[in-house]
All heavy atoms as atom14 arrays in JSON, in Angstrom:
{
  "sequence": "QTPGRGREGVSCTSYRDNEIWIDSVKGRFTISRDRVKNTVY",
  "atom14_mask": [
    [1, 1, 1, 1, 1, 1, 1, 1, 1, 0, 0, 0, 0, 0],
    [1, 1, 1, 1, 1, 1, 1, 0, 0, 0, 0, 0, 0, 0],
    [1, 1, 1, 1, 1, 1, 1, 0, 0, 0, 0, 0, 0, 0],
    [1, 1, 1, 1, 0, 0, 0, 0, 0, 0, 0, 0, 0, 0],
    [1, 1, 1, 1, 1, 1, 1, 1, 1, 1, 1, 0, 0, 0],
    [1, 1, 1, 1, 0, 0, 0, 0, 0, 0, 0, 0, 0, 0],
    [1, 1, 1, 1, 1, 1, 1, 1, 1, 1, 1, 0, 0, 0],
    [1, 1, 1, 1, 1, 1, 1, 1, 1, 0, 0, 0, 0, 0],
    [1, 1, 1, 1, 0, 0, 0, 0, 0, 0, 0, 0, 0, 0],
    [1, 1, 1, 1, 1, 1, 1, 0, 0, 0, 0, 0, 0, 0],
    [1, 1, 1, 1, 1, 1, 0, 0, 0, 0, 0, 0, 0, 0],
    [1, 1, 1, 1, 1, 1, 0, 0, 0, 0, 0, 0, 0, 0],
    [1, 1, 1, 1, 1, 1, 1, 0, 0, 0, 0, 0, 0, 0],
    [1, 1, 1, 1, 1, 1, 0, 0, 0, 0, 0, 0, 0, 0],
    [1, 1, 1, 1, 1, 1, 1, 1, 1, 1, 1, 1, 0, 0],
    [1, 1, 1, 1, 1, 1, 1, 1, 1, 1, 1, 0, 0, 0],
    [1, 1, 1, 1, 1, 1, 1, 1, 0, 0, 0, 0, 0, 0],
    [1, 1, 1, 1, 1, 1, 1, 1, 0, 0, 0, 0, 0, 0],
    [1, 1, 1, 1, 1, 1, 1, 1, 1, 0, 0, 0, 0, 0],
    [1, 1, 1, 1, 1, 1, 1, 1, 0, 0, 0, 0, 0, 0],
    [1, 1, 1, 1, 1, 1, 1, 1, 1, 1, 1, 1, 1, 1],
    [1, 1, 1, 1, 1, 1, 1, 1, 0, 0, 0, 0, 0, 0],
    [1, 1, 1, 1, 1, 1, 1, 1, 0, 0, 0, 0, 0, 0],
    [1, 1, 1, 1, 1, 1, 0, 0, 0, 0, 0, 0, 0, 0],
    [1, 1, 1, 1, 1, 1, 1, 0, 0, 0, 0, 0, 0, 0],
    [1, 1, 1, 1, 1, 1, 1, 1, 1, 0, 0, 0, 0, 0],
    [1, 1, 1, 1, 0, 0, 0, 0, 0, 0, 0, 0, 0, 0],
    [1, 1, 1, 1, 1, 1, 1, 1, 1, 1, 1, 0, 0, 0],
    [1, 1, 1, 1, 1, 1, 1, 1, 1, 1, 1, 0, 0, 0],
    [1, 1, 1, 1, 1, 1, 1, 0, 0, 0, 0, 0, 0, 0],
    [1, 1, 1, 1, 1, 1, 1, 1, 0, 0, 0, 0, 0, 0],
    [1, 1, 1, 1, 1, 1, 0, 0, 0, 0, 0, 0, 0, 0],
    [1, 1, 1, 1, 1, 1, 1, 1, 1, 1, 1, 0, 0, 0],
    [1, 1, 1, 1, 1, 1, 1, 1, 0, 0, 0, 0, 0, 0],
    [1, 1, 1, 1, 1, 1, 1, 1, 1, 1, 1, 0, 0, 0],
    [1, 1, 1, 1, 1, 1, 1, 0, 0, 0, 0, 0, 0, 0],
    [1, 1, 1, 1, 1, 1, 1, 1, 1, 0, 0, 0, 0, 0],
    [1, 1, 1, 1, 1, 1, 1, 1, 0, 0, 0, 0, 0, 0],
    [1, 1, 1, 1, 1, 1, 1, 0, 0, 0, 0, 0, 0, 0],
    [1, 1, 1, 1, 1, 1, 1, 0, 0, 0, 0, 0, 0, 0],
    [1, 1, 1, 1, 1, 1, 1, 1, 1, 1, 1, 1, 0, 0]
  ],
  "atom14_positions": [
    [[-99.56, 41.86, -26.65], [-99.52, 42.69, -27.83], [-98.88, 44.02, -27.52], [-99.19, 44.67, -26.52], [-100.95, 42.9, -28.36], [-101.02, 43.68, -29.66], [-102.41, 43.6, -30.28], [-103.12, 42.61, -30.09], [-102.79, 44.62, -31.0], [0.0, 0.0, 0.0], [0.0, 0.0, 0.0], [0.0, 0.0, 0.0], [0.0, 0.0, 0.0], [0.0, 0.0, 0.0]],
    [[-97.98, 44.42, -28.39], [-97.37, 45.74, -28.36], [-97.43, 46.33, -29.76], [-97.56, 45.59, -30.74], [-95.92, 45.69, -27.87], [-95.13, 44.97, -28.83], [-95.81, 45.0, -26.52], [0.0, 0.0, 0.0], [0.0, 0.0, 0.0], [0.0, 0.0, 0.0], [0.0, 0.0, 0.0], [0.0, 0.0, 0.0], [0.0, 0.0, 0.0], [0.0, 0.0, 0.0]],
    [[-97.32, 47.64, -29.87], [-97.29, 48.23, -31.21], [-96.15, 47.69, -32.08], [-96.32, 47.53, -33.29], [-97.14, 49.73, -30.93], [-97.72, 49.93, -29.59], [-97.35, 48.68, -28.82], [0.0, 0.0, 0.0], [0.0, 0.0, 0.0], [0.0, 0.0, 0.0], [0.0, 0.0, 0.0], [0.0, 0.0, 0.0], [0.0, 0.0, 0.0], [0.0, 0.0, 0.0]],
    [[-95.01, 47.4, -31.48], [-93.88, 46.95, -32.24], [-93.9, 45.48, -32.59], [-93.45, 45.09, -33.68], [0.0, 0.0, 0.0], [0.0, 0.0, 0.0], [0.0, 0.0, 0.0], [0.0, 0.0, 0.0], [0.0, 0.0, 0.0], [0.0, 0.0, 0.0], [0.0, 0.0, 0.0], [0.0, 0.0, 0.0], [0.0, 0.0, 0.0], [0.0, 0.0, 0.0]],
    [[-94.41, 44.65, -31.67], [-94.34, 43.22, -31.86], [-95.63, 42.63, -32.37], [-95.67, 41.46, -32.8], [-93.95, 42.51, -30.58], [-92.58, 42.91, -30.01], [-92.15, 41.94, -28.93], [-93.1, 41.88, -27.8], [-93.0, 42.58, -26.68], [-91.97, 43.42, -26.5], [-93.91, 42.47, -25.72], [0.0, 0.0, 0.0], [0.0, 0.0, 0.0], [0.0, 0.0, 0.0]],
    [[-96.73, 43.38, -32.34], [-98.0, 42.79, -32.62], [-98.44, 41.83, -31.5], [-97.98, 41.94, -30.35], [0.0, 0.0, 0.0], [0.0, 0.0, 0.0], [0.0, 0.0, 0.0], [0.0, 0.0, 0.0], [0.0, 0.0, 0.0], [0.0, 0.0, 0.0], [0.0, 0.0, 0.0], [0.0, 0.0, 0.0], [0.0, 0.0, 0.0], [0.0, 0.0, 0.0]],
    [[-99.3, 40.92, -31.85], [-99.8, 39.96, -30.87], [-99.01, 38.65, -30.98], [-98.94, 38.07, -32.06], [-101.29, 39.7, -31.05], [-101.88, 38.86, -29.92], [-103.41, 38.78, -30.03], [-104.04, 40.1, -29.88], [-105.33, 40.29, -29.76], [-106.17, 39.24, -29.77], [-105.82, 41.51, -29.65], [0.0, 0.0, 0.0], [0.0, 0.0, 0.0], [0.0, 0.0, 0.0]],
    [[-98.43, 38.22, -29.88], [-97.65, 37.01, -29.85], [-98.12, 36.12, -28.73], [-98.56, 36.56, -27.68], [-96.16, 37.32, -29.7], [-95.82, 38.1, -28.44], [-94.35, 38.47, -28.34], [-93.53, 37.98, -29.16], [-93.99, 39.27, -27.46], [0.0, 0.0, 0.0], [0.0, 0.0, 0.0], [0.0, 0.0, 0.0], [0.0, 0.0, 0.0], [0.0, 0.0, 0.0]],
    [[-97.99, 34.81, -28.95], [-98.39, 33.85, -27.96], [-97.38, 33.78, -26.82], [-96.18, 33.71, -27.07], [0.0, 0.0, 0.0], [0.0, 0.0, 0.0], [0.0, 0.0, 0.0], [0.0, 0.0, 0.0], [0.0, 0.0, 0.0], [0.0, 0.0, 0.0], [0.0, 0.0, 0.0], [0.0, 0.0, 0.0], [0.0, 0.0, 0.0], [0.0, 0.0, 0.0]],
    [[-97.86, 33.74, -25.59], [-97.01, 33.63, -24.42], [-97.01, 32.21, -23.86], [-95.95, 31.61, -23.64], [-97.46, 34.61, -23.32], [-96.6, 34.46, -22.06], [-97.43, 36.04, -23.85], [0.0, 0.0, 0.0], [0.0, 0.0, 0.0], [0.0, 0.0, 0.0], [0.0, 0.0, 0.0], [0.0, 0.0, 0.0], [0.0, 0.0, 0.0], [0.0, 0.0, 0.0]],
    [[-98.21, 31.66, -23.67], [-98.32, 30.37, -23.03], [-99.7, 29.8, -23.32], [-100.63, 30.53, -23.67], [-98.12, 30.5, -21.5], [-98.11, 29.24, -20.85], [0.0, 0.0, 0.0], [0.0, 0.0, 0.0], [0.0, 0.0, 0.0], [0.0, 0.0, 0.0], [0.0, 0.0, 0.0], [0.0, 0.0, 0.0], [0.0, 0.0, 0.0], [0.0, 0.0, 0.0]],
    [[-99.83, 28.49, -23.17], [-101.12, 27.86, -23.42], [-101.33, 26.72, -22.44], [-100.38, 26.19, -21.86], [-101.26, 27.36, -24.86], [-100.14, 26.02, -25.32], [0.0, 0.0, 0.0], [0.0, 0.0, 0.0], [0.0, 0.0, 0.0], [0.0, 0.0, 0.0], [0.0, 0.0, 0.0], [0.0, 0.0, 0.0], [0.0, 0.0, 0.0], [0.0, 0.0, 0.0]],
    [[-102.58, 26.34, -22.29], [-102.94, 25.23, -21.42], [-104.14, 24.5, -21.99], [-105.03, 25.09, -22.58], [-103.24, 25.73, -19.99], [-103.56, 24.61, -19.14], [-104.41, 26.72, -19.98], [0.0, 0.0, 0.0], [0.0, 0.0, 0.0], [0.0, 0.0, 0.0], [0.0, 0.0, 0.0], [0.0, 0.0, 0.0], [0.0, 0.0, 0.0], [0.0, 0.0, 0.0]],
    [[-104.12, 23.2, -21.81], [-105.27, 22.35, -22.09], [-105.47, 21.48, -20.88], [-104.78, 21.59, -19.85], [-105.04, 21.51, -23.34], [-104.12, 20.47, -23.09], [0.0, 0.0, 0.0], [0.0, 0.0, 0.0], [0.0, 0.0, 0.0], [0.0, 0.0, 0.0], [0.0, 0.0, 0.0], [0.0, 0.0, 0.0], [0.0, 0.0, 0.0], [0.0, 0.0, 0.0]],
    [[-106.43, 20.55, -20.98], [-106.67, 19.67, -19.83], [-105.53, 18.73, -19.58], [-105.44, 18.16, -18.48], [-107.97, 18.89, -20.03], [-107.89, 17.77, -21.04], [-107.57, 16.48, -20.62], [-108.16, 17.99, -22.38], [-107.52, 15.44, -21.54], [-108.09, 16.95, -23.3], [-107.77, 15.67, -22.88], [-107.72, 14.65, -23.78], [0.0, 0.0, 0.0], [0.0, 0.0, 0.0]],
    [[-104.61, 18.6, -20.53], [-103.55, 17.62, -20.38], [-102.14, 18.17, -20.57], [-101.19, 17.42, -20.34], [-103.78, 16.44, -21.34], [-103.76, 16.81, -22.79], [-103.87, 15.57, -23.65], [-102.67, 14.75, -23.54], [-102.51, 13.54, -24.07], [-103.53, 12.99, -24.74], [-101.38, 12.89, -23.94], [0.0, 0.0, 0.0], [0.0, 0.0, 0.0], [0.0, 0.0, 0.0]],
    [[-101.97, 19.41, -21.01], [-100.63, 19.91, -21.18], [-100.58, 21.43, -21.06], [-101.59, 22.11, -21.2], [-100.02, 19.45, -22.51], [-100.61, 20.15, -23.73], [-101.82, 20.44, -23.74], [-99.84, 20.41, -24.7], [0.0, 0.0, 0.0], [0.0, 0.0, 0.0], [0.0, 0.0, 0.0], [0.0, 0.0, 0.0], [0.0, 0.0, 0.0], [0.0, 0.0, 0.0]],
    [[-99.39, 21.92, -20.78], [-99.08, 23.35, -20.75], [-97.85, 23.58, -21.59], [-96.96, 22.73, -21.68], [-98.82, 23.86, -19.33], [-99.99, 23.66, -18.4], [-101.16, 23.72, -18.8], [-99.69, 23.44, -17.12], [0.0, 0.0, 0.0], [0.0, 0.0, 0.0], [0.0, 0.0, 0.0], [0.0, 0.0, 0.0], [0.0, 0.0, 0.0], [0.0, 0.0, 0.0]],
    [[-97.76, 24.75, -22.18], [-96.59, 25.12, -22.97], [-96.26, 26.6, -22.71], [-97.14, 27.41, -22.45], [-96.83, 24.94, -24.46], [-97.11, 23.52, -24.9], [-95.87, 22.64, -24.92], [-94.75, 23.18, -24.88], [-96.04, 21.39, -24.96], [0.0, 0.0, 0.0], [0.0, 0.0, 0.0], [0.0, 0.0, 0.0], [0.0, 0.0, 0.0], [0.0, 0.0, 0.0]],
    [[-94.99, 26.89, -22.75], [-94.49, 28.26, -22.78], [-93.93, 28.53, -24.17], [-93.06, 27.8, -24.62], [-93.42, 28.51, -21.72], [-93.95, 28.23, -20.32], [-92.87, 29.93, -21.83], [-95.02, 29.21, -19.87], [0.0, 0.0, 0.0], [0.0, 0.0, 0.0], [0.0, 0.0, 0.0], [0.0, 0.0, 0.0], [0.0, 0.0, 0.0], [0.0, 0.0, 0.0]],
    [[-94.46, 29.53, -24.84], [-94.08, 29.83, -26.2], [-92.88, 30.79, -26.32], [-92.18, 30.74, -27.32], [-95.26, 30.42, -26.97], [-96.28, 29.43, -27.39], [-96.09, 28.15, -27.85], [-97.7, 29.61, -27.41], [-97.27, 27.53, -28.14], [-98.3, 28.43, -27.87], [-98.52, 30.68, -27.06], [-99.65, 28.29, -28.03], [-99.9, 30.54, -27.21], [-100.45, 29.35, -27.69]],
    [[-92.68, 31.64, -25.34], [-91.66, 32.67, -25.41], [-90.52, 32.28, -24.49], [-90.69, 32.16, -23.27], [-92.23, 34.04, -25.03], [-93.36, 34.44, -25.96], [-91.13, 35.1, -25.07], [-94.0, 35.76, -25.64], [0.0, 0.0, 0.0], [0.0, 0.0, 0.0], [0.0, 0.0, 0.0], [0.0, 0.0, 0.0], [0.0, 0.0, 0.0], [0.0, 0.0, 0.0]],
    [[-89.35, 32.12, -25.07], [-88.19, 31.68, -24.29], [-87.87, 32.65, -23.15], [-87.45, 32.2, -22.07], [-86.99, 31.51, -25.19], [-87.05, 30.27, -26.06], [-87.85, 29.36, -25.77], [-86.29, 30.19, -27.04], [0.0, 0.0, 0.0], [0.0, 0.0, 0.0], [0.0, 0.0, 0.0], [0.0, 0.0, 0.0], [0.0, 0.0, 0.0], [0.0, 0.0, 0.0]],
    [[-88.03, 33.93, -23.38], [-87.61, 34.91, -22.39], [-88.45, 34.9, -21.13], [-88.06, 35.51, -20.13], [-87.61, 36.3, -23.0], [-88.9, 36.7, -23.41], [0.0, 0.0, 0.0], [0.0, 0.0, 0.0], [0.0, 0.0, 0.0], [0.0, 0.0, 0.0], [0.0, 0.0, 0.0], [0.0, 0.0, 0.0], [0.0, 0.0, 0.0], [0.0, 0.0, 0.0]],
    [[-89.62, 34.24, -21.14], [-90.43, 34.18, -19.93], [-90.33, 32.83, -19.23], [-90.86, 32.67, -18.13], [-91.91, 34.51, -20.21], [-92.03, 35.79, -21.01], [-92.6, 33.36, -20.94], [0.0, 0.0, 0.0], [0.0, 0.0, 0.0], [0.0, 0.0, 0.0], [0.0, 0.0, 0.0], [0.0, 0.0, 0.0], [0.0, 0.0, 0.0], [0.0, 0.0, 0.0]],
    [[-89.64, 31.89, -19.82], [-89.47, 30.58, -19.17], [-88.73, 30.75, -17.83], [-87.73, 31.47, -17.77], [-88.71, 29.63, -20.09], [-89.53, 29.19, -21.28], [-88.76, 28.23, -22.17], [-89.61, 27.77, -23.35], [-88.87, 26.88, -24.26], [0.0, 0.0, 0.0], [0.0, 0.0, 0.0], [0.0, 0.0, 0.0], [0.0, 0.0, 0.0], [0.0, 0.0, 0.0]],
    [[-89.22, 30.09, -16.83], [-88.65, 30.25, -15.49], [-89.24, 31.41, -14.72], [-89.0, 31.52, -13.51], [0.0, 0.0, 0.0], [0.0, 0.0, 0.0], [0.0, 0.0, 0.0], [0.0, 0.0, 0.0], [0.0, 0.0, 0.0], [0.0, 0.0, 0.0], [0.0, 0.0, 0.0], [0.0, 0.0, 0.0], [0.0, 0.0, 0.0], [0.0, 0.0, 0.0]],
    [[-89.97, 32.29, -15.38], [-90.58, 33.44, -14.73], [-92.1, 33.38, -14.73], [-92.74, 33.78, -13.78], [-90.13, 34.75, -15.37], [-88.62, 34.97, -15.31], [-88.24, 36.38, -15.77], [-88.56, 36.61, -17.19], [-89.42, 37.51, -17.62], [-90.08, 38.29, -16.77], [-89.63, 37.64, -18.93], [0.0, 0.0, 0.0], [0.0, 0.0, 0.0], [0.0, 0.0, 0.0]],
    [[-92.68, 32.87, -15.83], [-94.14, 32.8, -15.98], [-94.59, 31.37, -15.84], [-93.94, 30.43, -16.33], [-94.57, 33.31, -17.34], [-94.42, 34.8, -17.58], [-93.7, 35.62, -16.72], [-94.98, 35.38, -18.7], [-93.56, 36.97, -16.95], [-94.86, 36.73, -18.95], [-94.13, 37.53, -18.07], [0.0, 0.0, 0.0], [0.0, 0.0, 0.0], [0.0, 0.0, 0.0]],
    [[-95.73, 31.18, -15.22], [-96.34, 29.87, -15.07], [-97.81, 29.95, -15.38], [-98.52, 30.82, -14.83], [-96.14, 29.32, -13.63], [-94.76, 29.26, -13.32], [-96.75, 27.93, -13.51], [0.0, 0.0, 0.0], [0.0, 0.0, 0.0], [0.0, 0.0, 0.0], [0.0, 0.0, 0.0], [0.0, 0.0, 0.0], [0.0, 0.0, 0.0], [0.0, 0.0, 0.0]],
    [[-98.29, 29.06, -16.22], [-99.72, 29.01, -16.53], [-100.34, 27.87, -15.7], [-99.69, 26.83, -15.47], [-99.96, 28.81, -18.03], [-101.4, 29.08, -18.38], [-99.53, 27.41, -18.49], [-101.65, 29.21, -19.89], [0.0, 0.0, 0.0], [0.0, 0.0, 0.0], [0.0, 0.0, 0.0], [0.0, 0.0, 0.0], [0.0, 0.0, 0.0], [0.0, 0.0, 0.0]],
    [[-101.56, 28.07, -15.28], [-102.27, 27.06, -14.51], [-103.75, 27.18, -14.78], [-104.23, 28.21, -15.28], [-101.96, 27.13, -13.02], [-102.37, 28.39, -12.5], [0.0, 0.0, 0.0], [0.0, 0.0, 0.0], [0.0, 0.0, 0.0], [0.0, 0.0, 0.0], [0.0, 0.0, 0.0], [0.0, 0.0, 0.0], [0.0, 0.0, 0.0], [0.0, 0.0, 0.0]],
    [[-104.49, 26.15, -14.43], [-105.92, 26.16, -14.66], [-106.63, 25.62, -13.41], [-106.17, 24.67, -12.78], [-106.29, 25.33, -15.89], [-105.86, 23.89, -15.84], [-105.83, 23.24, -17.23], [-107.14, 22.96, -17.77], [-107.6, 23.49, -18.91], [-106.85, 24.33, -19.62], [-108.82, 23.2, -19.33], [0.0, 0.0, 0.0], [0.0, 0.0, 0.0], [0.0, 0.0, 0.0]],
    [[-107.73, 26.25, -13.08], [-108.58, 25.85, -11.97], [-109.85, 25.3, -12.58], [-110.68, 26.05, -13.12], [-108.87, 27.02, -11.05], [-109.62, 26.62, -9.79], [-110.47, 25.71, -9.85], [-109.36, 27.25, -8.73], [0.0, 0.0, 0.0], [0.0, 0.0, 0.0], [0.0, 0.0, 0.0], [0.0, 0.0, 0.0], [0.0, 0.0, 0.0], [0.0, 0.0, 0.0]],
    [[-110.02, 24.0, -12.52], [-111.14, 23.34, -13.16], [-112.47, 23.54, -12.42], [-113.52, 23.29, -12.98], [-110.84, 21.86, -13.36], [-109.61, 21.6, -14.23], [-109.21, 20.14, -14.26], [-110.16, 19.35, -15.01], [-110.08, 18.02, -15.15], [-109.08, 17.36, -14.58], [-110.97, 17.37, -15.87], [0.0, 0.0, 0.0], [0.0, 0.0, 0.0], [0.0, 0.0, 0.0]],
    [[-112.38, 23.97, -11.17], [-113.59, 24.27, -10.42], [-114.11, 25.66, -10.77], [-115.31, 25.86, -10.99], [-113.34, 24.15, -8.91], [-114.56, 24.59, -8.13], [-112.96, 22.71, -8.56], [0.0, 0.0, 0.0], [0.0, 0.0, 0.0], [0.0, 0.0, 0.0], [0.0, 0.0, 0.0], [0.0, 0.0, 0.0], [0.0, 0.0, 0.0], [0.0, 0.0, 0.0]],
    [[-113.2, 26.62, -10.82], [-113.55, 28.0, -11.13], [-113.61, 28.29, -12.64], [-114.0, 29.4, -13.01], [-112.58, 28.95, -10.46], [-112.6, 28.89, -8.95], [-111.6, 29.88, -8.37], [-111.61, 29.86, -6.86], [-110.64, 30.82, -6.28], [0.0, 0.0, 0.0], [0.0, 0.0, 0.0], [0.0, 0.0, 0.0], [0.0, 0.0, 0.0], [0.0, 0.0, 0.0]],
    [[-113.21, 27.35, -13.46], [-113.11, 27.56, -14.9], [-112.26, 28.78, -15.22], [-112.64, 29.62, -16.07], [-114.49, 27.69, -15.53], [-115.29, 26.41, -15.49], [-114.75, 25.32, -15.27], [-116.6, 26.51, -15.69], [0.0, 0.0, 0.0], [0.0, 0.0, 0.0], [0.0, 0.0, 0.0], [0.0, 0.0, 0.0], [0.0, 0.0, 0.0], [0.0, 0.0, 0.0]],
    [[-111.15, 28.89, -14.55], [-110.29, 30.04, -14.66], [-108.86, 29.61, -14.96], [-108.39, 28.63, -14.39], [-110.33, 30.88, -13.36], [-111.65, 31.36, -13.16], [-109.38, 32.06, -13.44], [0.0, 0.0, 0.0], [0.0, 0.0, 0.0], [0.0, 0.0, 0.0], [0.0, 0.0, 0.0], [0.0, 0.0, 0.0], [0.0, 0.0, 0.0], [0.0, 0.0, 0.0]],
    [[-108.23, 30.35, -15.83], [-106.83, 30.13, -16.17], [-106.03, 31.31, -15.64], [-106.47, 32.47, -15.75], [-106.64, 29.97, -17.68], [-105.15, 29.95, -18.05], [-107.33, 28.72, -18.17], [0.0, 0.0, 0.0], [0.0, 0.0, 0.0], [0.0, 0.0, 0.0], [0.0, 0.0, 0.0], [0.0, 0.0, 0.0], [0.0, 0.0, 0.0], [0.0, 0.0, 0.0]],
    [[-104.89, 31.01, -15.08], [-104.02, 32.04, -14.49], [-102.71, 32.08, -15.23], [-102.22, 31.1, -15.77], [-103.76, 31.73, -13.02], [-105.0, 31.61, -12.2], [-105.55, 30.36, -11.89], [-105.65, 32.73, -11.7], [-106.69, 30.25, -11.12], [-106.79, 32.64, -10.94], [-107.32, 31.39, -10.65], [-108.46, 31.28, -9.91], [0.0, 0.0, 0.0], [0.0, 0.0, 0.0]]
  ]
}
């Protein structure tokens, strides 16, 4: 979220899929999930 853009989705994860929503971060950002720690990175 920024004052100019508002809140926008960057990336998401479920138990079976991941998505990158913003083209400009593809190749730079990676989402992952640790099912032991119940933590998303």
